[in-house]
Amino acid sequence: MGFLTCLMATFAVYAVNLRVYRRWRSVLTSPLILTPAVLIAGLYAARVPFDAYVHATRSLVWMMGPLTVALAVPIYQQREYIRRWWPALVVGTVVSGLVTMLVGVALARWFALPAAVAHSLIARSVSMPFAFVVTDELAGTRDLTTLFVVASGMAGIVIGDLLLVLMRLRTPHAHGATLGAVAQVAGVVRAHERGLPNGVMASLTMVFSGGFAVVFAPWVARLF
């Protein structure tokens, strides 16, 4: 499967899934969950190596960097939220960042994973641009990091939505911060569907969590 074929297939599957989601709104029909599932099934059926697909669509991953920077616009527009909720943002970022990285270390120890896999697992808790920086710092594997980040985001929006309902968190800052911390970009997209304040808080938490991970992940990795 060639470079253009992989890109066109990715865009086509996403476009179709987006129409499905607009017709039948559900966590399970979300393009963030359905698109990877369909693409994985297609790659398996066509016997396309995962490495070949990743290489062909690497430009899409590169675009995550500029997209993350572009989040500064809605954040600036809602800067009053930062002034009002900065203590919660700081505490939430530190706690969620430490917990997710320590869980990665615990899983790596429990299953006796190789160092490269363990370091990629530690980097899974933040959005792709930050995760790649952490992976490079820890000498992990970018391909594994990509898998872990996507899987973490998918699980985050499914389990995160369920927990938000069970915990009865209705306020925009709590809802957005939770999704941004546990589901990265997928959580930001999900939060924006609920409203701009939700999305802004999710964006803030995601960016702050990424910066926190870049600084402290090397220290946490020493526990492995």
C-alpha atoms as a PDB file:
ATOM      1  CA  MET A   1       0.000   0.000   0.000  1.00  0.00           C
ATOM      2  CA  GLY A   2       1.521   3.282  -1.120  1.00  0.00           C
ATOM      3  CA  PHE A   3       1.942   6.614   0.612  1.00  0.00           C
ATOM      4  CA  LEU A   4      -1.073   8.306  -1.017  1.00  0.00           C
ATOM      5  CA  THR A   5      -3.237   5.213  -0.634  1.00  0.00           C
ATOM      6  CA  CYS A   6      -2.666   5.129   3.129  1.00  0.00           C
ATOM      7  CA  LEU A   7      -3.410   8.832   3.504  1.00  0.00           C
ATOM      8  CA  MET A   8      -6.523   8.698   1.317  1.00  0.00           C
ATOM      9  CA  ALA A   9      -7.800   5.605   3.128  1.00  0.00           C
ATOM     10  CA  THR A  10      -7.304   7.311   6.489  1.00  0.00           C
ATOM     11  CA  PHE A  11      -9.148  10.468   5.428  1.00  0.00           C
ATOM     12  CA  ALA A  12     -11.938   8.470   3.768  1.00  0.00           C
ATOM     13  CA  VAL A  13     -12.549   6.255   6.804  1.00  0.00           C
ATOM     14  CA  TYR A  14     -12.535   9.273   9.110  1.00  0.00           C
ATOM     15  CA  ALA A  15     -14.976  11.197   6.877  1.00  0.00           C
ATOM     16  CA  VAL A  16     -17.404   8.269   6.747  1.00  0.00           C
ATOM     17  CA  ASN A  17     -17.156   7.703  10.490  1.00  0.00           C
ATOM     18  CA  LEU A  18     -17.769  11.391  11.122  1.00  0.00           C
ATOM     19  CA  ARG A  19     -21.033  11.200   9.172  1.00  0.00           C
ATOM     20  CA  VAL A  20     -22.006   8.087  11.122  1.00  0.00           C
ATOM     21  CA  TYR A  21     -21.264   9.869  14.396  1.00  0.00           C
ATOM     22  CA  ARG A  22     -23.366  12.881  13.439  1.00  0.00           C
ATOM     23  CA  ARG A  23     -26.261  10.545  12.688  1.00  0.00           C
ATOM     24  CA  TRP A  24     -25.920   8.262  15.721  1.00  0.00           C
ATOM     25  CA  ARG A  25     -24.076  10.059  18.519  1.00  0.00           C
ATOM     26  CA  SER A  26     -22.484   7.584  20.889  1.00  0.00           C
ATOM     27  CA  VAL A  27     -19.099   6.969  22.454  1.00  0.00           C
ATOM     28  CA  LEU A  28     -18.806   3.780  20.408  1.00  0.00           C
ATOM     29  CA  THR A  29     -19.511   5.594  17.112  1.00  0.00           C
ATOM     30  CA  SER A  30     -17.010   8.362  17.854  1.00  0.00           C
ATOM     31  CA  PRO A  31     -14.485   8.730  14.999  1.00  0.00           C
ATOM     32  CA  LEU A  32     -11.754   8.674  17.630  1.00  0.00           C
ATOM     33  CA  ILE A  33     -12.703   5.084  18.447  1.00  0.00           C
ATOM     34  CA  LEU A  34     -14.319   3.788  15.274  1.00  0.00           C
ATOM     35  CA  THR A  35     -11.701   5.108  12.835  1.00  0.00           C
ATOM     36  CA  PRO A  36      -8.718   3.287  14.410  1.00  0.00           C
ATOM     37  CA  ALA A  37     -10.794   0.109  14.721  1.00  0.00           C
ATOM     38  CA  VAL A  38     -11.788   0.184  11.041  1.00  0.00           C
ATOM     39  CA  LEU A  39      -8.242   1.028   9.923  1.00  0.00           C
ATOM     40  CA  ILE A  40      -6.747  -1.791  12.000  1.00  0.00           C
ATOM     41  CA  ALA A  41      -9.243  -4.245  10.522  1.00  0.00           C
ATOM     42  CA  GLY A  42      -8.476  -2.958   7.022  1.00  0.00           C
ATOM     43  CA  LEU A  43      -4.716  -3.226   7.499  1.00  0.00           C
ATOM     44  CA  TYR A  44      -5.105  -6.766   8.799  1.00  0.00           C
ATOM     45  CA  ALA A  45      -7.366  -7.789   5.908  1.00  0.00           C
ATOM     46  CA  ALA A  46      -5.033  -6.225   3.328  1.00  0.00           C
ATOM     47  CA  ARG A  47      -1.955  -7.671   5.071  1.00  0.00           C
ATOM     48  CA  VAL A  48      -0.322  -4.251   5.290  1.00  0.00           C
ATOM     49  CA  PRO A  49       2.516  -4.101   7.865  1.00  0.00           C
ATOM     50  CA  PHE A  50       1.864  -1.619  10.638  1.00  0.00           C
ATOM     51  CA  ASP A  51       5.325  -0.093  10.198  1.00  0.00           C
ATOM     52  CA  ALA A  52       4.537   0.653   6.546  1.00  0.00           C
ATOM     53  CA  TYR A  53       1.278   2.384   7.464  1.00  0.00           C
ATOM     54  CA  VAL A  54       2.937   4.434  10.215  1.00  0.00           C
ATOM     55  CA  HIS A  55       5.689   5.530   7.828  1.00  0.00           C
ATOM     56  CA  ALA A  56       3.137   6.530   5.163  1.00  0.00           C
ATOM     57  CA  THR A  57       1.020   8.562   7.586  1.00  0.00           C
ATOM     58  CA  ARG A  58       3.844  10.092   9.605  1.00  0.00           C
ATOM     59  CA  SER A  59       2.906  13.540   8.289  1.00  0.00           C
ATOM     60  CA  LEU A  60      -0.424  13.292  10.134  1.00  0.00           C
ATOM     61  CA  VAL A  61       1.403  12.716  13.404  1.00  0.00           C
ATOM     62  CA  TRP A  62       3.704  15.662  12.650  1.00  0.00           C
ATOM     63  CA  MET A  63       0.641  17.897  12.306  1.00  0.00           C
ATOM     64  CA  MET A  64      -0.220  17.228  15.949  1.00  0.00           C
ATOM     65  CA  GLY A  65       2.488  19.720  16.938  1.00  0.00           C
ATOM     66  CA  PRO A  66       1.001  22.754  15.134  1.00  0.00           C
ATOM     67  CA  LEU A  67      -2.491  21.692  16.211  1.00  0.00           C
ATOM     68  CA  THR A  68      -1.397  21.648  19.842  1.00  0.00           C
ATOM     69  CA  VAL A  69       0.077  25.136  19.463  1.00  0.00           C
ATOM     70  CA  ALA A  70      -3.185  26.303  17.841  1.00  0.00           C
ATOM     71  CA  LEU A  71      -4.995  25.476  21.079  1.00  0.00           C
ATOM     72  CA  ALA A  72      -3.490  28.705  22.426  1.00  0.00           C
ATOM     73  CA  VAL A  73      -6.250  30.672  20.650  1.00  0.00           C
ATOM     74  CA  PRO A  74      -9.272  29.333  22.594  1.00  0.00           C
ATOM     75  CA  ILE A  75      -7.148  29.248  25.750  1.00  0.00           C
ATOM     76  CA  TYR A  76      -6.389  32.957  25.369  1.00  0.00           C
ATOM     77  CA  GLN A  77     -10.044  33.685  24.675  1.00  0.00           C
ATOM     78  CA  GLN A  78     -10.991  31.992  27.939  1.00  0.00           C
ATOM     79  CA  ARG A  79      -8.028  33.271  29.994  1.00  0.00           C
ATOM     80  CA  GLU A  80     -10.383  34.259  32.791  1.00  0.00           C
ATOM     81  CA  TYR A  81     -10.764  30.545  33.494  1.00  0.00           C
ATOM     82  CA  ILE A  82      -7.021  30.312  34.117  1.00  0.00           C
ATOM     83  CA  ARG A  83      -7.117  33.138  36.648  1.00  0.00           C
ATOM     84  CA  ARG A  84     -10.091  31.601  38.415  1.00  0.00           C
ATOM     85  CA  TRP A  85      -9.099  27.932  38.430  1.00  0.00           C
ATOM     86  CA  TRP A  86      -5.280  27.970  38.349  1.00  0.00           C
ATOM     87  CA  PRO A  87      -4.907  26.207  41.764  1.00  0.00           C
ATOM     88  CA  ALA A  88      -7.099  23.326  40.568  1.00  0.00           C
ATOM     89  CA  LEU A  89      -5.197  23.204  37.271  1.00  0.00           C
ATOM     90  CA  VAL A  90      -1.815  23.009  38.982  1.00  0.00           C
ATOM     91  CA  VAL A  91      -2.873  20.378  41.523  1.00  0.00           C
ATOM     92  CA  GLY A  92      -4.768  18.362  38.910  1.00  0.00           C
ATOM     93  CA  THR A  93      -1.830  18.416  36.504  1.00  0.00           C
ATOM     94  CA  VAL A  94       0.690  17.291  39.123  1.00  0.00           C
ATOM     95  CA  VAL A  95      -1.518  14.557  40.589  1.00  0.00           C
ATOM     96  CA  SER A  96      -2.751  13.160  37.270  1.00  0.00           C
ATOM     97  CA  GLY A  97       0.726  13.329  35.739  1.00  0.00           C
ATOM     98  CA  LEU A  98       2.388  11.496  38.610  1.00  0.00           C
ATOM     99  CA  VAL A  99      -0.350   8.872  38.901  1.00  0.00           C
ATOM    100  CA  THR A 100      -0.380   8.002  35.201  1.00  0.00           C
ATOM    101  CA  MET A 101       3.410   7.759  34.985  1.00  0.00           C
ATOM    102  CA  LEU A 102       3.637   5.693  38.178  1.00  0.00           C
ATOM    103  CA  VAL A 103       0.950   3.357  36.853  1.00  0.00           C
ATOM    104  CA  GLY A 104       3.103   2.903  33.760  1.00  0.00           C
ATOM    105  CA  VAL A 105       6.104   2.019  35.928  1.00  0.00           C
ATOM    106  CA  ALA A 106       3.992  -0.390  38.000  1.00  0.00           C
ATOM    107  CA  LEU A 107       2.677  -2.156  34.890  1.00  0.00           C
ATOM    108  CA  ALA A 108       6.173  -2.404  33.449  1.00  0.00           C
ATOM    109  CA  ARG A 109       7.468  -3.995  36.646  1.00  0.00           C
ATOM    110  CA  TRP A 110       4.462  -6.294  37.030  1.00  0.00           C
ATOM    111  CA  PHE A 111       4.800  -7.722  33.525  1.00  0.00           C
ATOM    112  CA  ALA A 112       8.619  -7.526  33.471  1.00  0.00           C
ATOM    113  CA  LEU A 113       8.578  -5.471  30.278  1.00  0.00           C
ATOM    114  CA  PRO A 114      11.769  -4.529  28.408  1.00  0.00           C
ATOM    115  CA  ALA A 115      13.086  -1.044  29.111  1.00  0.00           C
ATOM    116  CA  ALA A 116      12.136   0.329  25.671  1.00  0.00           C
ATOM    117  CA  VAL A 117       8.532  -0.850  26.083  1.00  0.00           C
ATOM    118  CA  ALA A 118       8.363   0.445  29.656  1.00  0.00           C
ATOM    119  CA  HIS A 119       9.617   3.887  28.656  1.00  0.00           C
ATOM    120  CA  SER A 120       7.076   4.092  25.834  1.00  0.00           C
ATOM    121  CA  LEU A 121       4.376   3.086  28.318  1.00  0.00           C
ATOM    122  CA  ILE A 122       5.378   5.882  30.688  1.00  0.00           C
ATOM    123  CA  ALA A 123       5.026   8.385  27.828  1.00  0.00           C
ATOM    124  CA  ARG A 124       1.484   7.258  26.950  1.00  0.00           C
ATOM    125  CA  SER A 125      -0.239   9.659  29.328  1.00  0.00           C
ATOM    126  CA  VAL A 126       0.236  12.848  27.276  1.00  0.00           C
ATOM    127  CA  SER A 127      -0.560  14.029  23.748  1.00  0.00           C
ATOM    128  CA  MET A 128       1.567  12.815  20.853  1.00  0.00           C
ATOM    129  CA  PRO A 129       4.019  15.758  20.482  1.00  0.00           C
ATOM    130  CA  PHE A 130       4.897  15.682  24.184  1.00  0.00           C
ATOM    131  CA  ALA A 131       4.890  11.871  24.232  1.00  0.00           C
ATOM    132  CA  PHE A 132       7.493  11.759  21.456  1.00  0.00           C
ATOM    133  CA  VAL A 133       9.750  14.154  23.369  1.00  0.00           C
ATOM    134  CA  VAL A 134       9.448  11.971  26.478  1.00  0.00           C
ATOM    135  CA  THR A 135      10.059   8.825  24.409  1.00  0.00           C
ATOM    136  CA  ASP A 136      13.223  10.274  22.884  1.00  0.00           C
ATOM    137  CA  GLU A 137      14.471  11.368  26.317  1.00  0.00           C
ATOM    138  CA  LEU A 138      13.931   7.864  27.717  1.00  0.00           C
ATOM    139  CA  ALA A 139      15.175   6.000  24.610  1.00  0.00           C
ATOM    140  CA  GLY A 140      11.776   4.430  24.061  1.00  0.00           C
ATOM    141  CA  THR A 141      10.143   3.378  20.793  1.00  0.00           C
ATOM    142  CA  ARG A 142       8.000   5.915  18.949  1.00  0.00           C
ATOM    143  CA  ASP A 143       5.858   3.287  17.234  1.00  0.00           C
ATOM    144  CA  LEU A 144       4.943   1.754  20.588  1.00  0.00           C
ATOM    145  CA  THR A 145       4.333   5.195  22.056  1.00  0.00           C
ATOM    146  CA  THR A 146       1.898   5.943  19.233  1.00  0.00           C
ATOM    147  CA  LEU A 147      -0.031   2.755  19.993  1.00  0.00           C
ATOM    148  CA  PHE A 148      -0.102   3.425  23.728  1.00  0.00           C
ATOM    149  CA  VAL A 149      -1.193   7.064  23.337  1.00  0.00           C
ATOM    150  CA  VAL A 150      -4.033   6.158  20.951  1.00  0.00           C
ATOM    151  CA  ALA A 151      -5.182   3.286  23.174  1.00  0.00           C
ATOM    152  CA  SER A 152      -5.006   5.513  26.246  1.00  0.00           C
ATOM    153  CA  GLY A 153      -7.077   8.201  24.532  1.00  0.00           C
ATOM    154  CA  MET A 154      -9.707   5.730  23.378  1.00  0.00           C
ATOM    155  CA  ALA A 155     -10.003   4.168  26.826  1.00  0.00           C
ATOM    156  CA  GLY A 156     -10.018   7.599  28.419  1.00  0.00           C
ATOM    157  CA  ILE A 157     -13.070   8.914  26.600  1.00  0.00           C
ATOM    158  CA  VAL A 158     -15.011   5.671  27.154  1.00  0.00           C
ATOM    159  CA  ILE A 159     -14.155   5.180  30.825  1.00  0.00           C
ATOM    160  CA  GLY A 160     -13.870   8.916  31.495  1.00  0.00           C
ATOM    161  CA  ASP A 161     -17.418   9.627  30.336  1.00  0.00           C
ATOM    162  CA  LEU A 162     -18.702   6.759  32.483  1.00  0.00           C
ATOM    163  CA  LEU A 163     -16.842   7.970  35.571  1.00  0.00           C
ATOM    164  CA  LEU A 164     -18.054  11.539  35.045  1.00  0.00           C
ATOM    165  CA  VAL A 165     -21.631  10.269  35.055  1.00  0.00           C
ATOM    166  CA  LEU A 166     -21.097   8.081  38.130  1.00  0.00           C
ATOM    167  CA  MET A 167     -19.336  10.887  40.021  1.00  0.00           C
ATOM    168  CA  ARG A 168     -21.949  13.416  38.871  1.00  0.00           C
ATOM    169  CA  LEU A 169     -19.381  15.956  37.730  1.00  0.00           C
ATOM    170  CA  ARG A 170     -21.353  18.567  35.836  1.00  0.00           C
ATOM    171  CA  THR A 171     -19.227  21.727  36.042  1.00  0.00           C
ATOM    172  CA  PRO A 172     -17.313  22.613  32.856  1.00  0.00           C
ATOM    173  CA  HIS A 173     -13.930  22.950  34.567  1.00  0.00           C
ATOM    174  CA  ALA A 174     -14.147  19.556  36.294  1.00  0.00           C
ATOM    175  CA  HIS A 175     -15.477  17.809  33.195  1.00  0.00           C
ATOM    176  CA  GLY A 176     -12.939  19.342  30.827  1.00  0.00           C
ATOM    177  CA  ALA A 177      -9.933  18.942  33.114  1.00  0.00           C
ATOM    178  CA  THR A 178     -10.724  15.271  33.697  1.00  0.00           C
ATOM    179  CA  LEU A 179     -10.986  14.431  30.007  1.00  0.00           C
ATOM    180  CA  GLY A 180      -7.917  16.474  29.110  1.00  0.00           C
ATOM    181  CA  ALA A 181      -5.841  14.714  31.755  1.00  0.00           C
ATOM    182  CA  VAL A 182      -6.822  11.114  30.985  1.00  0.00           C
ATOM    183  CA  ALA A 183      -7.598  11.148  27.259  1.00  0.00           C
ATOM    184  CA  GLN A 184      -5.275  13.815  25.765  1.00  0.00           C
ATOM    185  CA  VAL A 185      -6.413  15.010  22.322  1.00  0.00           C
ATOM    186  CA  ALA A 186      -9.354  12.600  22.275  1.00  0.00           C
ATOM    187  CA  GLY A 187     -10.501  14.081  25.566  1.00  0.00           C
ATOM    188  CA  VAL A 188     -10.113  17.637  24.262  1.00  0.00           C
ATOM    189  CA  VAL A 189     -12.260  16.822  21.229  1.00  0.00           C
ATOM    190  CA  ARG A 190     -14.851  15.166  23.442  1.00  0.00           C
ATOM    191  CA  ALA A 191     -14.843  18.109  25.852  1.00  0.00           C
ATOM    192  CA  HIS A 192     -15.272  20.662  23.042  1.00  0.00           C
ATOM    193  CA  GLU A 193     -18.419  18.794  22.004  1.00  0.00           C
ATOM    194  CA  ARG A 194     -19.853  19.669  25.418  1.00  0.00           C
ATOM    195  CA  GLY A 195     -19.033  23.366  25.130  1.00  0.00           C
ATOM    196  CA  LEU A 196     -16.200  25.884  24.792  1.00  0.00           C
ATOM    197  CA  PRO A 197     -15.439  26.168  28.548  1.00  0.00           C
ATOM    198  CA  ASN A 198     -15.150  22.376  28.781  1.00  0.00           C
ATOM    199  CA  GLY A 199     -12.831  22.303  25.784  1.00  0.00           C
ATOM    200  CA  VAL A 200     -10.656  25.123  27.078  1.00  0.00           C
ATOM    201  CA  MET A 201     -10.146  23.417  30.429  1.00  0.00           C
ATOM    202  CA  ALA A 202      -9.354  20.143  28.668  1.00  0.00           C
ATOM    203  CA  SER A 203      -6.845  21.926  26.415  1.00  0.00           C
ATOM    204  CA  LEU A 204      -5.169  23.613  29.372  1.00  0.00           C
ATOM    205  CA  THR A 205      -4.881  20.380  31.314  1.00  0.00           C
ATOM    206  CA  MET A 206      -3.538  18.510  28.295  1.00  0.00           C
ATOM    207  CA  VAL A 207      -0.849  21.122  27.588  1.00  0.00           C
ATOM    208  CA  PHE A 208       0.168  21.481  31.237  1.00  0.00           C
ATOM    209  CA  SER A 209       0.276  17.686  31.648  1.00  0.00           C
ATOM    210  CA  GLY A 210       2.510  17.415  28.593  1.00  0.00           C
ATOM    211  CA  GLY A 211       4.949  19.984  29.929  1.00  0.00           C
ATOM    212  CA  PHE A 212       4.953  18.288  33.323  1.00  0.00           C
ATOM    213  CA  ALA A 213       5.709  14.906  31.749  1.00  0.00           C
ATOM    214  CA  VAL A 214       8.593  16.264  29.666  1.00  0.00           C
ATOM    215  CA  VAL A 215      10.256  17.628  32.814  1.00  0.00           C
ATOM    216  CA  PHE A 216       9.552  14.844  35.312  1.00  0.00           C
ATOM    217  CA  ALA A 217       9.257  11.633  33.246  1.00  0.00           C
ATOM    218  CA  PRO A 218      13.051  11.018  33.288  1.00  0.00           C
ATOM    219  CA  TRP A 219      12.962  11.112  37.090  1.00  0.00           C
ATOM    220  CA  VAL A 220       9.978   8.754  37.281  1.00  0.00           C
ATOM    221  CA  ALA A 221      11.624   6.371  34.795  1.00  0.00           C
ATOM    222  CA  ARG A 222      14.490   5.833  37.245  1.00  0.00           C
ATOM    223  CA  LEU A 223      12.041   3.875  39.409  1.00  0.00           C
ATOM    224  CA  PHE A 224      11.886   1.165  36.736  1.00  0.00           C
END
